[in-house]
Amino acid sequence: MEKKLSDLKKNEIAIIKKVEGDSHLKRRLFELGMLVGEEVQILSISPLKNSFIISLKGYCFAVRRDVAKKILVV
């Protein structure tokens, strides 16, 4: 079942299926390693649920909710 990265709960793991958005956003996420087929895990969610700390390829970084909504996972 396909869903958005922003729909995942803490410690949930998923595989990136598609990245939506304009070419600038897609390029930036590509540079961070967000490629189709990569495994991503939600490590933490901010109290207001407006940002997420994720683990991808052994790196941890923050993603805003509006960006996480553009990343489809399975």
N, C-alpha and C. Protein backbone atom coordinates (compact mmCIF):
# COMPACT_ATOMS: atom_id res chain seq x y z
N MET A 1 0.84 -1.18 0.00
CA MET A 1 0.00 0.00 0.00
C MET A 1 0.89 1.25 0.00
N GLU A 2 0.64 2.14 -0.93
CA GLU A 2 1.42 3.36 -1.06
C GLU A 2 0.90 4.43 -0.11
N LYS A 3 1.82 5.13 0.56
CA LYS A 3 1.44 6.25 1.41
C LYS A 3 2.56 7.28 1.39
N LYS A 4 2.35 8.40 2.06
CA LYS A 4 3.33 9.47 2.09
C LYS A 4 4.27 9.29 3.28
N LEU A 5 5.48 9.78 3.14
CA LEU A 5 6.45 9.70 4.24
C LEU A 5 5.89 10.37 5.49
N SER A 6 5.12 11.43 5.30
CA SER A 6 4.53 12.15 6.43
C SER A 6 3.49 11.33 7.19
N ASP A 7 3.01 10.23 6.60
CA ASP A 7 2.01 9.36 7.25
C ASP A 7 2.64 8.31 8.16
N LEU A 8 3.96 8.13 8.06
CA LEU A 8 4.62 7.10 8.87
C LEU A 8 4.68 7.50 10.33
N LYS A 9 4.75 6.50 11.19
CA LYS A 9 4.87 6.72 12.62
C LYS A 9 6.34 6.53 13.03
N LYS A 10 6.65 6.96 14.24
CA LYS A 10 8.01 6.85 14.76
C LYS A 10 8.50 5.40 14.68
N ASN A 11 9.72 5.22 14.24
CA ASN A 11 10.42 3.94 14.09
C ASN A 11 9.90 3.09 12.94
N GLU A 12 8.94 3.59 12.18
CA GLU A 12 8.43 2.85 11.04
C GLU A 12 9.43 2.95 9.88
N ILE A 13 9.60 1.85 9.16
CA ILE A 13 10.53 1.77 8.04
C ILE A 13 9.73 1.56 6.76
N ALA A 14 10.16 2.23 5.68
CA ALA A 14 9.48 2.09 4.39
C ALA A 14 10.51 2.22 3.27
N ILE A 15 10.08 1.90 2.06
CA ILE A 15 10.90 2.01 0.86
C ILE A 15 10.36 3.16 0.01
N ILE A 16 11.25 4.02 -0.45
CA ILE A 16 10.84 5.15 -1.29
C ILE A 16 10.37 4.63 -2.64
N LYS A 17 9.17 5.05 -3.04
CA LYS A 17 8.61 4.63 -4.32
C LYS A 17 8.65 5.74 -5.35
N LYS A 18 8.41 6.99 -4.91
CA LYS A 18 8.38 8.12 -5.85
C LYS A 18 8.60 9.42 -5.09
N VAL A 19 9.27 10.36 -5.74
CA VAL A 19 9.45 11.70 -5.18
C VAL A 19 8.74 12.67 -6.11
N GLU A 20 7.79 13.42 -5.56
CA GLU A 20 7.04 14.39 -6.33
C GLU A 20 7.58 15.79 -6.05
N GLY A 21 7.16 16.76 -6.86
CA GLY A 21 7.58 18.14 -6.63
C GLY A 21 8.29 18.71 -7.83
N ASP A 22 8.74 19.96 -7.69
CA ASP A 22 9.42 20.62 -8.80
C ASP A 22 10.85 20.09 -8.96
N SER A 23 11.49 20.47 -10.03
CA SER A 23 12.83 19.93 -10.34
C SER A 23 13.85 20.32 -9.28
N HIS A 24 13.73 21.51 -8.68
CA HIS A 24 14.67 21.94 -7.65
C HIS A 24 14.58 21.03 -6.42
N LEU A 25 13.35 20.75 -5.98
CA LEU A 25 13.16 19.88 -4.81
C LEU A 25 13.64 18.47 -5.10
N LYS A 26 13.29 17.95 -6.26
CA LYS A 26 13.73 16.59 -6.62
C LYS A 26 15.24 16.49 -6.66
N ARG A 27 15.91 17.51 -7.21
CA ARG A 27 17.37 17.49 -7.27
C ARG A 27 17.98 17.53 -5.87
N ARG A 28 17.42 18.36 -5.00
CA ARG A 28 17.93 18.47 -3.63
C ARG A 28 17.77 17.14 -2.88
N LEU A 29 16.62 16.52 -3.02
CA LEU A 29 16.40 15.23 -2.35
C LEU A 29 17.29 14.14 -2.95
N PHE A 30 17.50 14.19 -4.26
CA PHE A 30 18.41 13.25 -4.92
C PHE A 30 19.82 13.40 -4.35
N GLU A 31 20.27 14.65 -4.15
CA GLU A 31 21.59 14.90 -3.58
C GLU A 31 21.71 14.36 -2.16
N LEU A 32 20.60 14.31 -1.43
CA LEU A 32 20.60 13.75 -0.07
C LEU A 32 20.51 12.23 -0.07
N GLY A 33 20.30 11.64 -1.24
CA GLY A 33 20.23 10.19 -1.34
C GLY A 33 18.84 9.61 -1.36
N MET A 34 17.82 10.47 -1.50
CA MET A 34 16.44 9.97 -1.54
C MET A 34 16.13 9.46 -2.93
N LEU A 35 16.50 8.22 -3.16
CA LEU A 35 16.29 7.59 -4.46
C LEU A 35 15.23 6.51 -4.35
N VAL A 36 14.54 6.26 -5.43
CA VAL A 36 13.55 5.19 -5.48
C VAL A 36 14.24 3.88 -5.09
N GLY A 37 13.62 3.14 -4.19
CA GLY A 37 14.15 1.86 -3.74
C GLY A 37 14.95 1.93 -2.45
N GLU A 38 15.28 3.14 -1.99
CA GLU A 38 16.04 3.28 -0.74
C GLU A 38 15.13 3.11 0.47
N GLU A 39 15.69 2.55 1.53
CA GLU A 39 14.96 2.36 2.78
C GLU A 39 15.09 3.62 3.63
N VAL A 40 13.99 4.06 4.20
CA VAL A 40 13.97 5.26 5.04
C VAL A 40 13.24 4.92 6.34
N GLN A 41 13.72 5.49 7.45
CA GLN A 41 13.09 5.24 8.75
C GLN A 41 12.83 6.57 9.45
N ILE A 42 11.66 6.68 10.07
CA ILE A 42 11.33 7.86 10.87
C ILE A 42 11.91 7.63 12.27
N LEU A 43 12.84 8.49 12.66
CA LEU A 43 13.46 8.35 13.99
C LEU A 43 12.72 9.17 15.04
N SER A 44 12.21 10.34 14.63
CA SER A 44 11.55 11.22 15.58
C SER A 44 10.58 12.13 14.83
N ILE A 45 9.53 12.54 15.52
CA ILE A 45 8.56 13.47 14.96
C ILE A 45 8.44 14.63 15.94
N SER A 46 8.49 15.86 15.42
CA SER A 46 8.41 17.03 16.30
C SER A 46 7.05 17.07 17.00
N PRO A 47 6.97 17.73 18.17
CA PRO A 47 5.71 17.77 18.92
C PRO A 47 4.53 18.33 18.11
N LEU A 48 4.79 19.28 17.22
CA LEU A 48 3.72 19.84 16.40
C LEU A 48 3.53 19.09 15.08
N LYS A 49 4.30 18.03 14.90
CA LYS A 49 4.26 17.18 13.71
C LYS A 49 4.52 17.96 12.42
N ASN A 50 5.38 18.99 12.51
CA ASN A 50 5.70 19.76 11.32
C ASN A 50 7.08 19.44 10.76
N SER A 51 7.81 18.55 11.42
CA SER A 51 9.09 18.09 10.89
C SER A 51 9.40 16.70 11.43
N PHE A 52 10.27 16.00 10.69
CA PHE A 52 10.62 14.62 11.00
C PHE A 52 12.13 14.47 10.97
N ILE A 53 12.67 13.66 11.86
CA ILE A 53 14.07 13.26 11.78
C ILE A 53 14.03 11.88 11.14
N ILE A 54 14.75 11.73 10.02
CA ILE A 54 14.74 10.45 9.32
C ILE A 54 16.15 9.90 9.20
N SER A 55 16.23 8.60 9.01
CA SER A 55 17.49 7.91 8.76
C SER A 55 17.43 7.37 7.33
N LEU A 56 18.48 7.68 6.57
CA LEU A 56 18.56 7.26 5.18
C LEU A 56 20.02 6.99 4.86
N LYS A 57 20.33 5.77 4.45
CA LYS A 57 21.71 5.38 4.09
C LYS A 57 22.70 5.63 5.23
N GLY A 58 22.24 5.47 6.47
CA GLY A 58 23.12 5.65 7.62
C GLY A 58 23.27 7.10 8.08
N TYR A 59 22.60 8.04 7.40
CA TYR A 59 22.64 9.45 7.78
C TYR A 59 21.31 9.84 8.40
N CYS A 60 21.36 10.82 9.29
CA CYS A 60 20.14 11.34 9.90
C CYS A 60 20.00 12.81 9.54
N PHE A 61 18.81 13.21 9.14
CA PHE A 61 18.55 14.62 8.87
C PHE A 61 17.08 14.91 9.03
N ALA A 62 16.76 16.21 9.10
CA ALA A 62 15.38 16.66 9.30
C ALA A 62 14.73 16.95 7.96
N VAL A 63 13.43 16.65 7.89
CA VAL A 63 12.63 16.92 6.71
C VAL A 63 11.35 17.62 7.17
N ARG A 64 11.01 18.73 6.54
CA ARG A 64 9.77 19.43 6.87
C ARG A 64 8.56 18.61 6.39
N ARG A 65 7.44 18.83 7.03
CA ARG A 65 6.23 18.09 6.69
C ARG A 65 5.81 18.30 5.24
N ASP A 66 5.91 19.52 4.73
CA ASP A 66 5.50 19.76 3.34
C ASP A 66 6.35 18.99 2.35
N VAL A 67 7.63 18.76 2.68
CA VAL A 67 8.50 17.96 1.83
C VAL A 67 8.17 16.48 2.00
N ALA A 68 7.94 16.05 3.25
CA ALA A 68 7.63 14.64 3.51
C ALA A 68 6.33 14.21 2.82
N LYS A 69 5.43 15.13 2.59
CA LYS A 69 4.18 14.82 1.89
C LYS A 69 4.41 14.52 0.41
N LYS A 70 5.55 14.92 -0.11
CA LYS A 70 5.85 14.72 -1.53
C LYS A 70 6.68 13.45 -1.80
N ILE A 71 6.96 12.70 -0.73
CA ILE A 71 7.73 11.47 -0.86
C ILE A 71 6.80 10.29 -0.63
N LEU A 72 6.56 9.51 -1.68
CA LEU A 72 5.66 8.36 -1.59
C LEU A 72 6.48 7.12 -1.24
N VAL A 73 5.96 6.32 -0.30
CA VAL A 73 6.67 5.14 0.18
C VAL A 73 5.74 3.93 0.20
N VAL A 74 6.33 2.76 0.29
CA VAL A 74 5.57 1.51 0.45
C VAL A 74 6.14 0.74 1.62
